[in-house]
Amino acid sequence: MSDDTSKKPVIAIALNYDQQTTPTVAATGQNELAEKIIALAEEHDIPLHSDPELAALLSRIPLGDEIPENLYRAVAEVIAFAYLLTGKFPPEFKK
């Protein structure tokens, strides 16, 4: 017999980053809504990164708010990961 109440919720966070300002939280969701956010990202070939601890922290930020300074490094690593996966580079990047 399985106990579904012991499972941690699935959390999904979508960030908006325009390369000009601090990233903002564009969407958050748990469980069913998280699955919909993930499916939408996959449908649009948006890179996904799994980090439950970071997702838990980001899920506390109100929609539209900038990420706090103490999360800059962690979010920068996620953005760099997404850039590498899509073959994109910041305009100032010299190959």
C-alpha atoms as a PDB file:
ATOM      1  CA  MET A   1       0.000   0.000   0.000  1.00  0.00           C
ATOM      2  CA  SER A   2       1.461   3.354  -0.965  1.00  0.00           C
ATOM      3  CA  ASP A   3       1.083   6.561   0.987  1.00  0.00           C
ATOM      4  CA  ASP A   4       0.788   9.468  -1.471  1.00  0.00           C
ATOM      5  CA  THR A   5       0.850  12.017   1.359  1.00  0.00           C
ATOM      6  CA  SER A   6       4.539  11.244   1.986  1.00  0.00           C
ATOM      7  CA  LYS A   7       5.515  12.322  -1.535  1.00  0.00           C
ATOM      8  CA  LYS A   8       7.035  15.756  -1.885  1.00  0.00           C
ATOM      9  CA  PRO A   9       5.056  18.030  -4.194  1.00  0.00           C
ATOM     10  CA  VAL A  10       6.327  18.600  -7.699  1.00  0.00           C
ATOM     11  CA  ILE A  11       7.225  22.273  -8.030  1.00  0.00           C
ATOM     12  CA  ALA A  12       7.816  24.120 -11.296  1.00  0.00           C
ATOM     13  CA  ILE A  13       9.056  27.670 -11.680  1.00  0.00           C
ATOM     14  CA  ALA A  14       9.252  29.663 -14.906  1.00  0.00           C
ATOM     15  CA  LEU A  15      11.639  32.603 -15.058  1.00  0.00           C
ATOM     16  CA  ASN A  16      11.622  35.536 -17.435  1.00  0.00           C
ATOM     17  CA  TYR A  17      15.012  36.959 -18.379  1.00  0.00           C
ATOM     18  CA  ASP A  18      15.489  39.631 -21.029  1.00  0.00           C
ATOM     19  CA  GLN A  19      19.286  39.984 -20.633  1.00  0.00           C
ATOM     20  CA  GLN A  20      18.780  43.589 -19.526  1.00  0.00           C
ATOM     21  CA  THR A  21      17.234  43.325 -16.066  1.00  0.00           C
ATOM     22  CA  THR A  22      17.157  40.914 -13.166  1.00  0.00           C
ATOM     23  CA  PRO A  23      15.223  37.696 -13.904  1.00  0.00           C
ATOM     24  CA  THR A  24      11.643  37.659 -12.668  1.00  0.00           C
ATOM     25  CA  VAL A  25       9.308  34.872 -11.634  1.00  0.00           C
ATOM     26  CA  ALA A  26       6.874  34.338 -14.510  1.00  0.00           C
ATOM     27  CA  ALA A  27       4.981  31.285 -13.209  1.00  0.00           C
ATOM     28  CA  THR A  28       4.925  28.924 -10.263  1.00  0.00           C
ATOM     29  CA  GLY A  29       2.948  25.812  -9.587  1.00  0.00           C
ATOM     30  CA  GLN A  30       2.771  22.626  -7.581  1.00  0.00           C
ATOM     31  CA  ASN A  31       1.669  19.146  -8.543  1.00  0.00           C
ATOM     32  CA  GLU A  32      -0.886  19.302 -11.403  1.00  0.00           C
ATOM     33  CA  LEU A  33      -0.154  22.951 -12.231  1.00  0.00           C
ATOM     34  CA  ALA A  34       3.585  22.203 -12.125  1.00  0.00           C
ATOM     35  CA  GLU A  35       3.066  19.371 -14.601  1.00  0.00           C
ATOM     36  CA  LYS A  36       1.219  21.776 -16.918  1.00  0.00           C
ATOM     37  CA  ILE A  37       4.045  24.326 -16.684  1.00  0.00           C
ATOM     38  CA  ILE A  38       6.575  21.604 -17.495  1.00  0.00           C
ATOM     39  CA  ALA A  39       4.494  20.310 -20.422  1.00  0.00           C
ATOM     40  CA  LEU A  40       4.148  23.836 -21.831  1.00  0.00           C
ATOM     41  CA  ALA A  41       7.906  24.377 -21.554  1.00  0.00           C
ATOM     42  CA  GLU A  42       8.567  21.079 -23.342  1.00  0.00           C
ATOM     43  CA  GLU A  43       6.038  21.968 -26.049  1.00  0.00           C
ATOM     44  CA  HIS A  44       7.965  25.191 -26.734  1.00  0.00           C
ATOM     45  CA  ASP A  45      11.448  23.624 -26.458  1.00  0.00           C
ATOM     46  CA  ILE A  46      12.278  25.619 -23.350  1.00  0.00           C
ATOM     47  CA  PRO A  47      15.153  23.978 -21.466  1.00  0.00           C
ATOM     48  CA  LEU A  48      14.289  22.415 -18.119  1.00  0.00           C
ATOM     49  CA  HIS A  49      16.555  22.142 -15.100  1.00  0.00           C
ATOM     50  CA  SER A  50      15.767  20.119 -12.001  1.00  0.00           C
ATOM     51  CA  ASP A  51      16.769  21.625  -8.654  1.00  0.00           C
ATOM     52  CA  PRO A  52      14.083  20.990  -6.018  1.00  0.00           C
ATOM     53  CA  GLU A  53      15.754  23.166  -3.386  1.00  0.00           C
ATOM     54  CA  LEU A  54      16.073  26.164  -5.719  1.00  0.00           C
ATOM     55  CA  ALA A  55      12.509  25.627  -6.947  1.00  0.00           C
ATOM     56  CA  ALA A  56      11.244  25.652  -3.348  1.00  0.00           C
ATOM     57  CA  LEU A  57      13.005  28.968  -2.699  1.00  0.00           C
ATOM     58  CA  LEU A  58      11.832  30.547  -5.957  1.00  0.00           C
ATOM     59  CA  SER A  59       8.246  29.406  -5.368  1.00  0.00           C
ATOM     60  CA  ARG A  60       8.048  31.805  -2.405  1.00  0.00           C
ATOM     61  CA  ILE A  61       8.686  34.839  -4.626  1.00  0.00           C
ATOM     62  CA  PRO A  62       5.523  36.611  -5.819  1.00  0.00           C
ATOM     63  CA  LEU A  63       4.767  36.445  -9.547  1.00  0.00           C
ATOM     64  CA  GLY A  64       6.428  39.248 -11.473  1.00  0.00           C
ATOM     65  CA  ASP A  65       8.963  39.998  -8.730  1.00  0.00           C
ATOM     66  CA  GLU A  66      12.690  39.991  -9.376  1.00  0.00           C
ATOM     67  CA  ILE A  67      14.703  37.184  -7.879  1.00  0.00           C
ATOM     68  CA  PRO A  68      16.499  38.283  -4.700  1.00  0.00           C
ATOM     69  CA  GLU A  69      20.205  39.014  -4.762  1.00  0.00           C
ATOM     70  CA  ASN A  70      21.037  35.982  -2.604  1.00  0.00           C
ATOM     71  CA  LEU A  71      19.781  33.722  -5.444  1.00  0.00           C
ATOM     72  CA  TYR A  72      21.620  35.488  -8.301  1.00  0.00           C
ATOM     73  CA  ARG A  73      24.410  32.924  -8.550  1.00  0.00           C
ATOM     74  CA  ALA A  74      22.121  29.884  -8.520  1.00  0.00           C
ATOM     75  CA  VAL A  75      19.794  31.411 -11.119  1.00  0.00           C
ATOM     76  CA  ALA A  76      22.758  32.549 -13.245  1.00  0.00           C
ATOM     77  CA  GLU A  77      23.936  28.930 -13.353  1.00  0.00           C
ATOM     78  CA  VAL A  78      20.479  27.812 -14.531  1.00  0.00           C
ATOM     79  CA  ILE A  79      20.418  30.517 -17.219  1.00  0.00           C
ATOM     80  CA  ALA A  80      23.936  29.546 -18.350  1.00  0.00           C
ATOM     81  CA  PHE A  81      22.773  25.911 -18.518  1.00  0.00           C
ATOM     82  CA  ALA A  82      19.814  26.938 -20.695  1.00  0.00           C
ATOM     83  CA  TYR A  83      22.104  28.978 -22.968  1.00  0.00           C
ATOM     84  CA  LEU A  84      24.409  26.007 -23.466  1.00  0.00           C
ATOM     85  CA  LEU A  85      21.513  23.669 -24.259  1.00  0.00           C
ATOM     86  CA  THR A  86      20.082  26.012 -26.872  1.00  0.00           C
ATOM     87  CA  GLY A  87      23.391  27.164 -28.343  1.00  0.00           C
ATOM     88  CA  LYS A  88      22.707  30.777 -27.409  1.00  0.00           C
ATOM     89  CA  PHE A  89      25.257  33.132 -25.919  1.00  0.00           C
ATOM     90  CA  PRO A  90      25.017  36.593 -24.389  1.00  0.00           C
ATOM     91  CA  PRO A  91      25.747  39.403 -26.892  1.00  0.00           C
ATOM     92  CA  GLU A  92      28.993  40.323 -25.119  1.00  0.00           C
ATOM     93  CA  PHE A  93      30.293  36.721 -25.156  1.00  0.00           C
ATOM     94  CA  LYS A  94      33.401  36.296 -27.322  1.00  0.00           C
ATOM     95  CA  LYS A  95      33.928  32.834 -28.796  1.00  0.00           C
END
